[in-house]
């Protein structure tokens, strides 16, 4: 069985952890020919965390990668290619073809050649778990992920959307909405990881007949945690991961958040903690936000940033050594739950509230619209007083969740095999 895994974002620590799970479970279920379509294949040259089966990495179908050292002219050409050619020509052509339900002869000129060949050879196309089908991050969902899903359907391949958060949606162009509807209805199976996704699919006018519930992929990695030491026996370290919205690189939306985080950190330091920041982006897009938070902390010498980019296993095990964790970035929260490290979760999307509710820890979750210094400190104190009981609940539910997501994945593979 040949499987093409699409929509992988190489520079995102959460996406890398999802791929860790997907590859491991594909191999465990007898799939030995795997191709991964990734945003920046060069970030996988060392193949960290890859299983001992044949895995090759190729670019996205909508390949917008830029070679290093191309100079100013090369950067200009890349920008024109990415913004004008891909967004304004290639995307609409693929969208219109999907809506018409007919593969055009010129599709091979719109899609990366390696991707096109991998799709044609695949018995199944699997979209990695995550938050790919939404307009939350990019207007009208004009994204490489949506483009590649559409291309897979145009090549008449079984498309599985695995462990997804779907929505929210807000479309300016009706054709783009219709394109997303075609993807949701055309996928042979959709597995959702949070309750809010059900309503989002229903609002899009898509049948729930081929929709199943599962859990977040990374919950299936609970078995890689090497130490289950009680938090009360761990070093006084509070881990933290910040979230920077893709449209807020100038941090205008995050100015208040920085002050809130800094005040919480000051409080944690007074309580005896040292603070360790865990970057979640390999390209450093969250680094400037981390440094801005530290700049507002009184005792900066008690803060440190994890340097380098350890693999998924090392990252999760480092979180397992923290006494407590403050997570704003989604997969940093999931890493904490997997590691059974008591978590103060800050939700920028409903999915975080759902994940915390799945563990019975919703009272330790606050939305970023409710954020204030007082609320953060209150939650910190409550968690700090209940570290071991929270840890025990995370371990018990985490173990069951790990087993469930593995079983769901194995069942999905078997169903596709039978239908092939």
Protein backbone atom coordinates (compact mmCIF):
# COMPACT_ATOMS: atom_id res chain seq x y z
CA UNK A 1 0.00 0.00 0.00
CA UNK A 2 1.40 3.36 -1.07
CA UNK A 3 0.45 6.39 1.03
CA UNK A 4 1.05 10.05 0.27
CA UNK A 5 0.98 12.27 3.37
CA UNK A 6 0.19 15.88 2.47
CA UNK A 7 -0.02 19.30 4.17
CA UNK A 8 3.05 18.84 6.37
CA UNK A 9 4.60 22.10 7.59
CA UNK A 10 8.28 21.34 8.19
CA UNK A 11 9.11 24.35 10.35
CA UNK A 12 6.31 23.92 12.90
CA UNK A 13 7.13 21.79 15.96
CA UNK A 14 3.50 20.72 16.33
CA UNK A 15 3.24 19.60 12.70
CA UNK A 16 6.50 17.71 13.07
CA UNK A 17 5.10 15.87 16.09
CA UNK A 18 1.95 14.98 14.14
CA UNK A 19 4.10 13.53 11.37
CA UNK A 20 6.06 11.55 13.99
CA UNK A 21 2.78 9.88 15.00
CA UNK A 22 1.47 9.40 11.45
CA UNK A 23 4.67 7.80 10.14
CA UNK A 24 5.02 5.56 13.17
CA UNK A 25 1.43 4.33 12.91
CA UNK A 26 1.59 3.85 9.13
CA UNK A 27 4.65 1.64 9.62
CA UNK A 28 3.04 -0.15 12.54
CA UNK A 29 0.04 -0.95 10.33
CA UNK A 30 2.08 -2.45 7.53
CA UNK A 31 2.51 0.52 5.18
CA UNK A 32 6.08 0.46 3.89
CA UNK A 33 5.95 2.91 0.97
CA UNK A 34 5.38 6.42 2.25
CA UNK A 35 5.85 9.79 0.60
CA UNK A 36 5.59 12.99 2.65
CA UNK A 37 4.75 16.28 0.95
CA UNK A 38 6.32 19.01 3.09
CA UNK A 39 6.64 22.78 2.92
CA UNK A 40 10.44 22.76 3.24
CA UNK A 41 11.84 19.30 2.46
CA UNK A 42 15.35 20.41 3.39
CA UNK A 43 14.26 20.49 7.07
CA UNK A 44 13.85 16.71 6.88
CA UNK A 45 17.25 15.87 5.40
CA UNK A 46 18.39 14.13 8.60
CA UNK A 47 15.00 12.37 8.86
CA UNK A 48 14.69 12.72 12.65
CA UNK A 49 12.01 10.52 14.23
CA UNK A 50 11.42 8.64 10.95
CA UNK A 51 10.53 4.93 11.19
CA UNK A 52 12.66 2.21 9.60
CA UNK A 53 10.59 2.03 6.41
CA UNK A 54 10.91 3.68 3.02
CA UNK A 55 10.00 7.36 3.52
CA UNK A 56 10.80 10.06 1.01
CA UNK A 57 10.07 13.78 1.31
CA UNK A 58 8.93 15.97 -1.60
CA UNK A 59 7.65 19.57 -1.90
CA UNK A 60 4.02 20.62 -1.62
CA UNK A 61 1.95 20.50 -4.79
CA UNK A 62 1.77 24.26 -4.38
CA UNK A 63 5.53 24.61 -3.98
CA UNK A 64 6.41 28.06 -2.65
CA UNK A 65 9.81 27.22 -1.17
CA UNK A 66 12.72 29.53 -1.94
CA UNK A 67 16.30 28.38 -2.34
CA UNK A 68 18.82 29.85 0.08
CA UNK A 69 21.32 32.39 -1.28
CA UNK A 70 19.42 33.36 -4.43
CA UNK A 71 20.13 37.08 -4.01
CA UNK A 72 17.81 40.06 -4.37
CA UNK A 73 16.60 39.23 -7.90
CA UNK A 74 15.90 35.65 -6.89
CA UNK A 75 13.83 36.89 -3.95
CA UNK A 76 11.82 39.19 -6.23
CA UNK A 77 11.17 36.35 -8.70
CA UNK A 78 10.13 34.08 -5.84
CA UNK A 79 7.74 36.72 -4.51
CA UNK A 80 6.12 37.21 -7.92
CA UNK A 81 5.82 33.44 -8.32
CA UNK A 82 4.27 32.97 -4.88
CA UNK A 83 1.91 35.94 -4.71
CA UNK A 84 0.86 36.44 -8.32
CA UNK A 85 1.31 33.16 -10.18
CA UNK A 86 0.27 30.78 -7.40
CA UNK A 87 -2.45 32.81 -5.70
CA UNK A 88 -4.00 34.59 -8.65
CA UNK A 89 -3.61 32.05 -11.43
CA UNK A 90 -2.87 28.52 -10.22
CA UNK A 91 -5.24 28.52 -7.25
CA UNK A 92 -8.29 29.83 -9.17
CA UNK A 93 -7.68 27.34 -12.01
CA UNK A 94 -7.56 24.39 -9.61
CA UNK A 95 -10.55 25.75 -7.71
CA UNK A 96 -12.66 26.12 -10.85
CA UNK A 97 -11.69 22.62 -12.03
CA UNK A 98 -12.71 21.10 -8.69
CA UNK A 99 -16.03 22.93 -8.75
CA UNK A 100 -16.63 21.69 -12.29
CA UNK A 101 -15.71 18.16 -11.22
CA UNK A 102 -13.34 17.62 -14.13
CA UNK A 103 -9.57 17.20 -14.20
CA UNK A 104 -8.15 19.67 -16.76
CA UNK A 105 -5.36 18.75 -19.16
CA UNK A 106 -3.23 21.59 -17.83
CA UNK A 107 -3.27 20.40 -14.20
CA UNK A 108 0.23 18.97 -14.60
CA UNK A 109 1.51 22.50 -15.27
CA UNK A 110 -0.07 23.85 -12.06
CA UNK A 111 1.16 21.19 -9.63
CA UNK A 112 4.74 20.39 -8.62
CA UNK A 113 5.90 17.44 -10.76
CA UNK A 114 7.10 15.33 -7.83
CA UNK A 115 3.78 15.88 -6.07
CA UNK A 116 1.76 14.98 -9.17
CA UNK A 117 3.67 11.70 -9.62
CA UNK A 118 3.30 10.83 -5.92
CA UNK A 119 -0.47 11.43 -6.09
CA UNK A 120 -0.84 9.26 -9.18
CA UNK A 121 1.12 6.42 -7.54
CA UNK A 122 -0.68 6.62 -4.18
CA UNK A 123 -3.38 4.24 -2.96
CA UNK A 124 -4.41 6.84 -0.38
CA UNK A 125 -3.72 10.53 0.22
CA UNK A 126 -3.67 11.41 3.92
CA UNK A 127 -3.83 15.00 5.14
CA UNK A 128 -1.84 15.22 8.35
CA UNK A 129 -3.75 16.14 11.44
CA UNK A 130 -4.01 19.79 12.34
CA UNK A 131 -5.92 22.96 11.52
CA UNK A 132 -5.75 23.16 7.73
CA UNK A 133 -9.37 23.69 6.63
CA UNK A 134 -10.20 27.18 7.87
CA UNK A 135 -10.15 30.87 6.93
CA UNK A 136 -8.81 31.77 10.38
CA UNK A 137 -5.18 32.16 9.28
CA UNK A 138 -5.49 33.16 5.61
CA UNK A 139 -8.44 35.00 4.03
CA UNK A 140 -10.78 32.80 1.97
CA UNK A 141 -8.61 29.71 2.69
CA UNK A 142 -6.31 30.47 -0.26
CA UNK A 143 -3.61 28.19 1.10
CA UNK A 144 -1.22 25.50 -0.16
CA UNK A 145 -3.02 22.96 2.03
CA UNK A 146 -6.39 23.57 0.37
CA UNK A 147 -4.74 23.65 -3.07
CA UNK A 148 -3.10 20.25 -2.50
CA UNK A 149 -6.30 18.65 -1.15
CA UNK A 150 -8.12 19.84 -4.27
CA UNK A 151 -5.37 18.45 -6.51
CA UNK A 152 -5.60 15.04 -4.82
CA UNK A 153 -9.35 14.94 -5.49
CA UNK A 154 -8.84 16.00 -9.11
CA UNK A 155 -6.55 12.98 -9.52
CA UNK A 156 -9.42 10.80 -8.20
CA UNK A 157 -7.51 9.56 -5.16
CA UNK A 158 -9.09 8.59 -1.80
CA UNK A 159 -8.50 11.62 0.42
CA UNK A 160 -8.56 11.19 4.20
CA UNK A 161 -8.57 14.27 6.43
CA UNK A 162 -7.03 12.87 9.59
CA UNK A 163 -7.54 14.35 13.10
CA UNK A 164 -8.56 17.81 11.94
CA UNK A 165 -9.97 20.99 13.41
CA UNK A 166 -12.42 22.37 10.85
CA UNK A 167 -13.30 26.07 10.61
CA UNK A 168 -14.17 28.73 11.49
CA UNK A 169 -15.08 30.08 8.05
CA UNK A 170 -15.68 33.54 6.63
CA UNK A 171 -15.63 33.83 2.85
CA UNK A 172 -15.66 36.92 0.66
CA UNK A 173 -15.67 34.93 -2.60
CA UNK A 174 -18.49 32.35 -2.97
CA UNK A 175 -16.31 30.21 -5.27
CA UNK A 176 -13.74 29.71 -2.53
CA UNK A 177 -16.46 28.59 -0.14
CA UNK A 178 -17.74 26.16 -2.77
CA UNK A 179 -14.21 24.83 -3.21
CA UNK A 180 -13.91 24.04 0.51
CA UNK A 181 -17.37 22.44 0.45
CA UNK A 182 -16.23 20.24 -2.45
CA UNK A 183 -13.16 19.17 -0.45
CA UNK A 184 -15.16 18.36 2.67
CA UNK A 185 -17.78 16.43 0.72
CA UNK A 186 -15.23 14.80 -1.60
CA UNK A 187 -12.97 13.40 1.12
CA UNK A 188 -13.71 9.72 1.65
CA UNK A 189 -13.29 10.21 5.41
CA UNK A 190 -12.91 13.12 7.81
CA UNK A 191 -11.70 12.55 11.35
CA UNK A 192 -12.29 15.50 13.68
CA UNK A 193 -10.43 16.09 16.92
CA UNK A 194 -12.76 18.58 18.64
CA UNK A 195 -16.48 19.09 19.12
CA UNK A 196 -16.60 22.52 17.44
CA UNK A 197 -15.66 20.97 14.09
CA UNK A 198 -18.95 19.07 13.84
CA UNK A 199 -20.96 22.27 13.80
CA UNK A 200 -18.55 23.92 11.38
CA UNK A 201 -18.99 21.08 8.89
CA UNK A 202 -22.75 21.23 9.31
CA UNK A 203 -22.76 24.99 8.70
CA UNK A 204 -20.91 24.40 5.44
CA UNK A 205 -23.84 22.28 4.29
CA UNK A 206 -21.78 19.07 4.20
CA UNK A 207 -23.15 15.71 5.30
CA UNK A 208 -21.70 14.20 8.48
CA UNK A 209 -22.06 10.69 7.07
CA UNK A 210 -18.34 10.28 6.41
CA UNK A 211 -17.24 12.18 9.54
CA UNK A 212 -15.83 10.36 12.57
CA UNK A 213 -14.50 11.54 15.90
CA UNK A 214 -10.99 10.78 17.04
CA UNK A 215 -8.40 12.49 19.22
CA UNK A 216 -5.46 14.76 18.45
CA UNK A 217 -2.67 12.71 16.84
CA UNK A 218 0.05 13.73 19.30
CA UNK A 219 -1.94 12.24 22.18
CA UNK A 220 -0.86 8.96 20.60
CA UNK A 221 2.71 9.68 21.70
CA UNK A 222 2.14 9.28 25.45
CA UNK A 223 4.24 6.12 25.32
CA UNK A 224 7.43 8.02 24.40
CA UNK A 225 7.64 9.78 27.77
CA UNK A 226 10.63 8.29 29.59
CA UNK A 227 9.99 9.59 33.10
CA UNK A 228 6.70 9.92 34.98
CA UNK A 229 8.10 11.70 38.05
CA UNK A 230 5.49 13.50 40.13
CA UNK A 231 5.60 17.29 39.64
CA UNK A 232 6.24 17.80 43.35
CA UNK A 233 9.53 15.91 42.88
CA UNK A 234 10.63 17.87 39.80
CA UNK A 235 12.86 20.94 39.61
CA UNK A 236 11.15 24.31 40.09
CA UNK A 237 10.82 25.06 36.38
CA UNK A 238 7.82 26.57 34.59
CA UNK A 239 7.81 25.92 30.85
CA UNK A 240 6.09 28.38 28.53
CA UNK A 241 5.29 28.62 24.81
CA UNK A 242 3.84 31.72 23.17
CA UNK A 243 1.66 32.02 20.08
CA UNK A 244 2.20 34.62 17.39
CA UNK A 245 -0.63 34.95 14.88
CA UNK A 246 0.61 34.81 11.28
CA UNK A 247 -0.97 38.20 10.61
CA UNK A 248 0.49 39.84 13.73
CA UNK A 249 4.23 39.76 13.19
CA UNK A 250 4.46 43.34 14.41
CA UNK A 251 2.96 42.15 17.70
CA UNK A 252 0.26 44.82 17.80
CA UNK A 253 -2.27 42.20 18.87
CA UNK A 254 0.18 40.83 21.42
CA UNK A 255 1.29 43.94 23.31
CA UNK A 256 -1.11 43.29 26.20
CA UNK A 257 -0.36 39.57 26.13
CA UNK A 258 3.34 40.30 26.60
CA UNK A 259 2.62 42.34 29.73
CA UNK A 260 0.29 39.67 31.11
CA UNK A 261 2.86 36.92 30.52
CA UNK A 262 5.61 39.02 32.08
CA UNK A 263 3.51 39.67 35.19
CA UNK A 264 2.74 35.96 35.50
CA UNK A 265 6.43 35.14 35.13
CA UNK A 266 7.34 37.67 37.83
CA UNK A 267 4.81 35.97 40.11
CA UNK A 268 6.18 32.50 39.30
CA UNK A 269 9.74 33.65 40.01
CA UNK A 270 8.63 35.02 43.37
CA UNK A 271 7.16 31.56 44.05
CA UNK A 272 10.59 30.02 43.46
CA UNK A 273 10.36 29.05 39.79
CA UNK A 274 12.80 29.48 36.98
CA UNK A 275 11.18 29.97 33.57
CA UNK A 276 12.05 28.08 30.40
CA UNK A 277 10.71 29.20 27.01
CA UNK A 278 10.14 26.51 24.37
CA UNK A 279 10.10 27.95 20.82
CA UNK A 280 7.65 26.12 18.56
CA UNK A 281 8.82 27.46 15.18
CA UNK A 282 12.06 26.32 13.53
CA UNK A 283 12.28 29.54 11.50
CA UNK A 284 12.18 31.62 14.67
CA UNK A 285 8.93 33.48 14.01
CA UNK A 286 8.04 33.23 17.71
CA UNK A 287 11.51 34.18 18.94
CA UNK A 288 10.96 37.95 18.82
CA UNK A 289 7.78 37.56 20.87
CA UNK A 290 9.63 35.48 23.49
CA UNK A 291 12.36 38.10 23.74
CA UNK A 292 9.75 40.86 24.05
CA UNK A 293 8.12 39.04 26.98
CA UNK A 294 11.46 38.55 28.73
CA UNK A 295 12.23 42.24 28.25
CA UNK A 296 9.20 43.04 30.44
CA UNK A 297 10.21 40.63 33.23
CA UNK A 298 11.81 42.11 36.36
CA UNK A 299 14.27 39.28 37.07
CA UNK A 300 15.34 38.38 33.55
CA UNK A 301 18.20 36.23 34.82
CA UNK A 302 15.61 33.63 35.84
CA UNK A 303 14.44 33.18 32.24
CA UNK A 304 16.02 31.03 29.57
CA UNK A 305 15.17 30.00 26.01
CA UNK A 306 15.61 26.42 24.82
CA UNK A 307 18.15 26.73 22.02
CA UNK A 308 18.30 24.52 18.96
CA UNK A 309 15.42 22.37 17.85
CA UNK A 310 15.30 18.98 19.54
CA UNK A 311 13.28 16.22 17.90
CA UNK A 312 9.75 15.49 19.05
CA UNK A 313 10.74 12.84 21.58
CA UNK A 314 13.40 15.04 23.21
CA UNK A 315 11.07 18.06 23.21
CA UNK A 316 8.21 16.24 24.93
CA UNK A 317 10.56 14.67 27.46
CA UNK A 318 12.00 18.11 28.25
CA UNK A 319 8.45 19.34 28.94
CA UNK A 320 8.00 16.28 31.20
CA UNK A 321 10.79 17.64 33.40
CA UNK A 322 8.94 20.92 34.04
CA UNK A 323 6.89 21.26 37.20
CA UNK A 324 4.26 23.31 35.37
CA UNK A 325 3.62 24.60 31.84
CA UNK A 326 1.92 27.67 30.39
CA UNK A 327 0.83 27.03 26.81
CA UNK A 328 -0.64 29.45 24.29
CA UNK A 329 0.47 27.63 21.12
CA UNK A 330 -1.85 24.63 20.56
CA UNK A 331 0.69 21.84 20.30
CA UNK A 332 2.67 23.16 23.25
CA UNK A 333 -0.50 22.50 25.26
CA UNK A 334 -0.78 19.01 23.80
CA UNK A 335 2.90 18.30 24.55
CA UNK A 336 2.22 19.27 28.17
CA UNK A 337 -0.82 16.99 28.44
CA UNK A 338 1.12 14.13 26.84
CA UNK A 339 4.00 14.70 29.28
CA UNK A 340 1.50 14.87 32.18
CA UNK A 341 2.87 18.27 33.18
CA UNK A 342 0.21 20.45 34.88
CA UNK A 343 -0.97 22.94 32.28
CA UNK A 344 -2.30 26.47 32.28
CA UNK A 345 -3.82 26.67 28.80
CA UNK A 346 -4.56 29.91 26.96
CA UNK A 347 -7.01 29.33 24.11
CA UNK A 348 -6.91 31.40 20.92
CA UNK A 349 -9.37 28.88 19.40
CA UNK A 350 -12.16 26.66 20.72
CA UNK A 351 -10.07 23.54 20.08
CA UNK A 352 -7.96 24.22 23.19
CA UNK A 353 -11.06 24.36 25.37
CA UNK A 354 -12.15 21.02 23.90
CA UNK A 355 -8.75 19.40 24.55
CA UNK A 356 -8.76 20.57 28.17
CA UNK A 357 -12.35 19.35 28.62
CA UNK A 358 -11.34 15.93 27.28
CA UNK A 359 -8.93 15.73 30.22
CA UNK A 360 -11.40 17.17 32.73
CA UNK A 361 -9.14 20.21 33.17
CA UNK A 362 -11.29 22.91 31.59
CA UNK A 363 -11.12 25.08 34.73
CA UNK A 364 -7.41 25.59 34.04
CA UNK A 365 -8.11 27.04 30.59
CA UNK A 366 -8.70 30.70 29.75
CA UNK A 367 -9.42 32.26 26.36
CA UNK A 368 -7.02 34.95 25.17
CA UNK A 369 -9.93 37.41 25.01
CA UNK A 370 -10.41 36.93 28.78
CA UNK A 371 -6.73 37.29 29.55
CA UNK A 372 -5.63 39.45 32.47
CA UNK A 373 -2.79 39.44 34.98
CA UNK A 374 -5.19 38.70 37.84
CA UNK A 375 -6.77 35.69 36.12
CA UNK A 376 -3.43 34.22 35.10
CA UNK A 377 -2.00 34.54 38.61
CA UNK A 378 -5.13 33.03 40.13
CA UNK A 379 -4.93 30.01 37.80
CA UNK A 380 -1.20 29.66 38.45
CA UNK A 381 -1.73 29.55 42.21
CA UNK A 382 -4.53 27.01 41.93
CA UNK A 383 -2.47 24.74 39.67
CA UNK A 384 0.61 25.17 41.87
CA UNK A 385 -1.43 23.93 44.85
CA UNK A 386 -2.72 20.86 42.99
CA UNK A 387 0.24 19.74 40.91
CA UNK A 388 0.23 16.02 41.71
CA UNK A 389 -3.53 15.53 41.44
CA UNK A 390 -3.55 17.26 38.04
CA UNK A 391 -0.61 15.12 36.94
CA UNK A 392 -2.42 11.94 37.96
CA UNK A 393 -5.52 12.91 35.97
CA UNK A 394 -3.38 13.73 32.91
CA UNK A 395 -1.64 10.36 33.12
CA UNK A 396 -4.86 8.34 33.51
CA UNK A 397 -6.76 10.06 30.68
CA UNK A 398 -3.64 10.38 28.53
CA UNK A 399 -3.08 6.63 28.59
CA UNK A 400 -6.66 5.93 27.45
CA UNK A 401 -6.53 8.66 24.81
CA UNK A 402 -3.23 7.31 23.46
CA UNK A 403 -4.77 3.88 22.98
CA UNK A 404 -7.91 5.29 21.36
CA UNK A 405 -6.16 7.42 18.73
CA UNK A 406 -3.93 4.49 17.75
CA UNK A 407 -6.98 2.22 17.40
CA UNK A 408 -8.81 4.84 15.32
CA UNK A 409 -5.83 5.19 13.00
CA UNK A 410 -5.45 1.43 12.57
CA UNK A 411 -9.17 1.08 11.82
CA UNK A 412 -8.95 3.87 9.23
CA UNK A 413 -6.05 2.17 7.45
CA UNK A 414 -7.86 -1.17 7.40
CA UNK A 415 -11.04 0.38 6.00
CA UNK A 416 -9.15 2.08 3.15
CA UNK A 417 -7.32 -1.20 2.45
CA UNK A 418 -10.58 -3.11 2.16
CA UNK A 419 -12.10 -0.52 -0.16
CA UNK A 420 -8.97 -0.21 -2.34
